[in-house]
């Protein structure tokens, strides 16, 4: 149950007319629950009993939190393999030039800006709170995110490079044009078929164990190279 679900129906109706009212009320209720229950967690919390060496992961703490939140809201009822598979889809998108390279931007990407239920990952724009309410499950989400984001992670991609997935009880029309790579838990995973109208267009699946860490290292190297070049250009211009 989320904070939105704790609100009487009349507040939901009021929110359609005065969005700021429910925002204030939700914040007040969150503070109230926090006072009553110290275990109540907030989205940017890494509990003290979880030791995560942030220097050992390939992204920022913010991106770690975003991946953990996506696990919490998208896959927390899945088996561990299913949760890892959902996390890998996010990483596969970050490595694909058609998507943002920042994990938070991937998770929060919207098909129609400012519109409810039109996000790549629907939990982010369903109009409900994104605050985890189950401390134990939130800890598990953080652990899974940290495990797949380790610089020396040996967790392979169980989806074979999938960029999309859906629950196995649905039959979305968009899936007809894609190749199913696997079914893990209650999710079906997809990538582009080898041929779309003739020539090979699919981005090749990189089978290295830690392709995402390599990708981030290459990004960092390119960024440092760009900064050095920019610095030299500025020095030349200053002369």
Protein backbone atom coordinates (compact mmCIF):
# COMPACT_ATOMS: atom_id res chain seq x y z
CA UNK A 1 0.00 0.00 0.00
CA UNK A 2 1.35 3.45 -0.93
CA UNK A 3 0.67 6.86 0.55
CA UNK A 4 -1.67 7.58 -2.36
CA UNK A 5 -3.68 4.51 -1.46
CA UNK A 6 -3.99 5.76 2.12
CA UNK A 7 -5.78 8.89 0.92
CA UNK A 8 -9.63 8.92 0.81
CA UNK A 9 -11.11 8.96 -2.70
CA UNK A 10 -12.21 12.60 -2.36
CA UNK A 11 -8.54 13.61 -2.11
CA UNK A 12 -7.79 11.85 -5.39
CA UNK A 13 -10.61 13.81 -7.00
CA UNK A 14 -9.33 17.03 -5.47
CA UNK A 15 -5.89 16.28 -6.85
CA UNK A 16 -7.27 16.53 -10.38
CA UNK A 17 -8.31 20.14 -9.68
CA UNK A 18 -5.66 21.28 -7.20
CA UNK A 19 -2.53 19.09 -7.57
CA UNK A 20 -0.61 20.99 -4.90
CA UNK A 21 -3.14 20.04 -2.20
CA UNK A 22 -2.40 16.32 -2.39
CA UNK A 23 1.32 17.01 -2.58
CA UNK A 24 1.19 18.89 0.73
CA UNK A 25 -1.05 16.25 2.33
CA UNK A 26 1.17 13.37 1.13
CA UNK A 27 4.25 15.08 2.56
CA UNK A 28 2.46 15.57 5.90
CA UNK A 29 1.34 11.94 6.03
CA UNK A 30 4.86 10.76 5.14
CA UNK A 31 6.28 12.78 8.03
CA UNK A 32 3.61 11.33 10.33
CA UNK A 33 4.40 7.74 9.34
CA UNK A 34 8.11 8.39 9.66
CA UNK A 35 7.60 9.57 13.24
CA UNK A 36 5.50 6.52 14.11
CA UNK A 37 7.61 3.99 12.25
CA UNK A 38 11.39 4.55 12.05
CA UNK A 39 11.60 1.71 9.51
CA UNK A 40 9.65 3.78 6.98
CA UNK A 41 12.11 4.49 4.17
CA UNK A 42 12.71 7.28 1.72
CA UNK A 43 13.84 6.90 -1.86
CA UNK A 44 17.35 8.23 -1.31
CA UNK A 45 18.08 6.10 1.75
CA UNK A 46 20.77 3.45 1.86
CA UNK A 47 20.18 1.91 5.30
CA UNK A 48 23.14 1.80 7.66
CA UNK A 49 23.06 -1.99 7.81
CA UNK A 50 23.83 -2.24 4.08
CA UNK A 51 27.48 -1.69 3.29
CA UNK A 52 27.81 -0.53 -0.32
CA UNK A 53 31.20 0.66 -1.46
CA UNK A 54 30.16 3.37 -3.90
CA UNK A 55 33.67 3.44 -5.34
CA UNK A 56 33.21 -0.17 -6.48
CA UNK A 57 30.22 0.55 -8.72
CA UNK A 58 30.35 2.01 -12.21
CA UNK A 59 27.75 4.76 -11.72
CA UNK A 60 26.86 7.44 -9.20
CA UNK A 61 24.85 6.86 -6.03
CA UNK A 62 21.92 8.60 -7.71
CA UNK A 63 21.93 6.11 -10.59
CA UNK A 64 22.22 3.21 -8.14
CA UNK A 65 19.11 4.49 -6.35
CA UNK A 66 17.24 4.85 -9.67
CA UNK A 67 18.00 1.26 -10.64
CA UNK A 68 16.96 0.04 -7.18
CA UNK A 69 13.69 1.99 -7.40
CA UNK A 70 12.96 0.45 -10.78
CA UNK A 71 13.52 -3.00 -9.31
CA UNK A 72 11.30 -2.21 -6.34
CA UNK A 73 8.35 -1.00 -8.38
CA UNK A 74 8.75 -3.15 -11.50
CA UNK A 75 10.02 -6.50 -10.27
CA UNK A 76 9.98 -6.91 -6.49
CA UNK A 77 7.56 -9.86 -6.68
CA UNK A 78 9.81 -11.69 -9.16
CA UNK A 79 12.36 -14.40 -8.45
CA UNK A 80 15.95 -13.08 -8.20
CA UNK A 81 16.73 -14.11 -11.79
CA UNK A 82 13.71 -12.13 -12.98
CA UNK A 83 14.76 -9.05 -11.03
CA UNK A 84 18.27 -9.22 -12.46
CA UNK A 85 16.78 -9.56 -15.95
CA UNK A 86 14.69 -6.41 -15.51
CA UNK A 87 17.79 -4.55 -14.27
CA UNK A 88 19.74 -5.74 -17.31
CA UNK A 89 17.13 -4.28 -19.65
CA UNK A 90 17.80 -0.88 -18.09
CA UNK A 91 21.56 -1.33 -18.56
CA UNK A 92 21.08 -2.54 -22.14
CA UNK A 93 19.10 0.60 -22.90
CA UNK A 94 21.78 2.78 -21.35
CA UNK A 95 24.32 1.19 -23.71
CA UNK A 96 22.12 1.74 -26.77
CA UNK A 97 22.56 5.12 -28.50
CA UNK A 98 18.80 5.45 -28.98
CA UNK A 99 18.34 5.77 -25.21
CA UNK A 100 19.96 8.03 -22.59
CA UNK A 101 23.24 6.73 -21.16
CA UNK A 102 22.33 7.81 -17.61
CA UNK A 103 20.35 5.15 -15.71
CA UNK A 104 18.03 7.70 -14.09
CA UNK A 105 17.21 9.19 -17.50
CA UNK A 106 16.48 5.71 -18.87
CA UNK A 107 14.17 4.86 -15.97
CA UNK A 108 12.37 8.21 -16.08
CA UNK A 109 12.08 8.46 -19.86
CA UNK A 110 8.61 9.45 -21.01
CA UNK A 111 6.94 8.85 -24.35
CA UNK A 112 4.68 11.87 -23.78
CA UNK A 113 6.11 14.45 -21.39
CA UNK A 114 3.89 15.32 -18.44
CA UNK A 115 1.28 12.65 -19.27
CA UNK A 116 0.20 9.96 -16.81
CA UNK A 117 0.87 6.32 -17.72
CA UNK A 118 2.99 7.17 -20.78
CA UNK A 119 6.45 6.37 -19.45
CA UNK A 120 8.80 3.61 -20.51
CA UNK A 121 8.49 2.25 -16.97
CA UNK A 122 4.94 3.02 -15.92
CA UNK A 123 5.51 3.28 -12.15
CA UNK A 124 7.38 6.54 -12.66
CA UNK A 125 4.38 8.40 -14.10
CA UNK A 126 1.37 6.64 -12.57
CA UNK A 127 0.59 9.60 -10.30
CA UNK A 128 1.40 7.63 -7.13
CA UNK A 129 4.20 8.09 -4.65
CA UNK A 130 7.55 6.57 -5.54
CA UNK A 131 8.58 6.12 -1.90
CA UNK A 132 9.32 2.46 -1.03
CA UNK A 133 7.09 1.33 1.83
CA UNK A 134 8.63 -2.06 2.60
CA UNK A 135 12.08 -1.65 4.21
CA UNK A 136 13.11 -5.28 3.71
CA UNK A 137 12.24 -5.32 0.02
CA UNK A 138 13.93 -1.95 -0.45
CA UNK A 139 17.12 -3.40 1.02
CA UNK A 140 16.90 -6.29 -1.46
CA UNK A 141 16.43 -3.84 -4.34
CA UNK A 142 19.55 -1.93 -3.32
CA UNK A 143 21.57 -5.14 -3.05
CA UNK A 144 20.49 -6.31 -6.51
CA UNK A 145 21.26 -2.92 -8.06
CA UNK A 146 24.68 -2.83 -6.41
CA UNK A 147 25.45 -6.39 -7.55
CA UNK A 148 24.79 -5.75 -11.25
CA UNK A 149 26.59 -2.39 -11.15
CA UNK A 150 29.89 -3.68 -9.72
CA UNK A 151 32.96 -2.89 -11.80
CA UNK A 152 34.00 -6.54 -11.56
CA UNK A 153 30.50 -8.03 -11.71
CA UNK A 154 30.39 -11.55 -13.13
CA UNK A 155 26.61 -11.61 -13.52
CA UNK A 156 25.84 -12.31 -17.20
CA UNK A 157 22.92 -10.80 -19.07
CA UNK A 158 20.18 -13.48 -18.89
CA UNK A 159 18.07 -11.60 -21.47
CA UNK A 160 20.52 -11.85 -24.40
CA UNK A 161 20.51 -8.11 -24.95
CA UNK A 162 16.78 -7.48 -24.53
CA UNK A 163 15.58 -3.86 -24.63
CA UNK A 164 11.91 -4.54 -23.91
CA UNK A 165 9.74 -6.80 -21.78
CA UNK A 166 6.16 -7.22 -20.68
CA UNK A 167 4.22 -9.26 -18.14
CA UNK A 168 3.34 -12.73 -19.41
CA UNK A 169 -0.39 -12.17 -18.87
CA UNK A 170 -0.52 -9.37 -21.45
CA UNK A 171 -0.23 -9.43 -25.26
CA UNK A 172 0.88 -5.92 -26.31
CA UNK A 173 0.67 -5.16 -30.03
CA UNK A 174 4.18 -3.67 -30.10
CA UNK A 175 5.70 -7.07 -29.32
CA UNK A 176 4.65 -8.49 -32.70
CA UNK A 177 7.59 -6.83 -34.44
CA UNK A 178 10.25 -8.09 -32.04
CA UNK A 179 12.12 -11.28 -31.29
CA UNK A 180 11.48 -12.91 -27.92
CA UNK A 181 14.79 -13.82 -26.29
CA UNK A 182 13.57 -15.54 -23.14
CA UNK A 183 10.89 -15.80 -20.46
CA UNK A 184 12.07 -15.34 -16.89
CA UNK A 185 9.60 -15.42 -14.05
CA UNK A 186 6.48 -13.61 -15.21
CA UNK A 187 8.17 -11.42 -17.85
CA UNK A 188 8.76 -12.00 -21.56
CA UNK A 189 11.88 -10.27 -22.94
CA UNK A 190 12.45 -8.94 -26.45
CA UNK A 191 15.03 -7.49 -28.79
CA UNK A 192 14.88 -6.45 -32.42
CA UNK A 193 14.82 -9.28 -34.97
CA UNK A 194 17.94 -9.90 -37.00
CA UNK A 195 16.36 -8.34 -40.07
CA UNK A 196 13.97 -5.42 -40.26
CA UNK A 197 13.10 -4.89 -43.89
CA UNK A 198 16.28 -6.49 -45.20
CA UNK A 199 19.74 -5.48 -43.94
CA UNK A 200 20.93 -6.19 -40.42
CA UNK A 201 19.97 -3.26 -38.19
CA UNK A 202 19.98 -4.73 -34.73
CA UNK A 203 22.69 -3.47 -32.39
CA UNK A 204 24.89 -6.55 -31.80
CA UNK A 205 24.57 -8.18 -28.40
CA UNK A 206 27.84 -7.81 -26.51
CA UNK A 207 28.54 -11.07 -24.70
CA UNK A 208 31.29 -9.78 -22.38
CA UNK A 209 30.41 -10.52 -18.78
CA UNK A 210 30.52 -6.88 -17.75
CA UNK A 211 29.76 -5.01 -20.95
CA UNK A 212 28.10 -2.19 -18.99
CA UNK A 213 31.22 -1.55 -16.89
CA UNK A 214 33.30 -1.50 -20.09
CA UNK A 215 30.83 0.90 -21.66
CA UNK A 216 31.02 3.28 -18.70
CA UNK A 217 34.83 3.10 -18.68
CA UNK A 218 34.90 4.00 -22.39
CA UNK A 219 32.51 6.88 -21.72
CA UNK A 220 34.73 8.18 -18.93
CA UNK A 221 37.85 7.92 -21.12
CA UNK A 222 36.13 9.73 -23.97
CA UNK A 223 34.90 12.42 -21.58
CA UNK A 224 38.38 12.96 -20.13
CA UNK A 225 39.82 13.12 -23.63
CA UNK A 226 37.22 15.68 -24.63
CA UNK A 227 37.92 17.78 -21.56
CA UNK A 228 41.65 17.75 -22.27
CA UNK A 229 41.07 18.76 -25.87
CA UNK A 230 38.71 21.49 -24.77
CA UNK A 231 41.26 22.71 -22.21
CA UNK A 232 43.99 22.88 -24.87
CA UNK A 233 41.72 24.78 -27.22
CA UNK A 234 40.94 27.29 -24.49
CA UNK A 235 44.66 27.77 -23.78
CA UNK A 236 45.37 28.34 -27.47
CA UNK A 237 42.49 30.78 -27.71
CA UNK A 238 43.75 32.65 -24.65
CA UNK A 239 47.11 33.26 -26.26
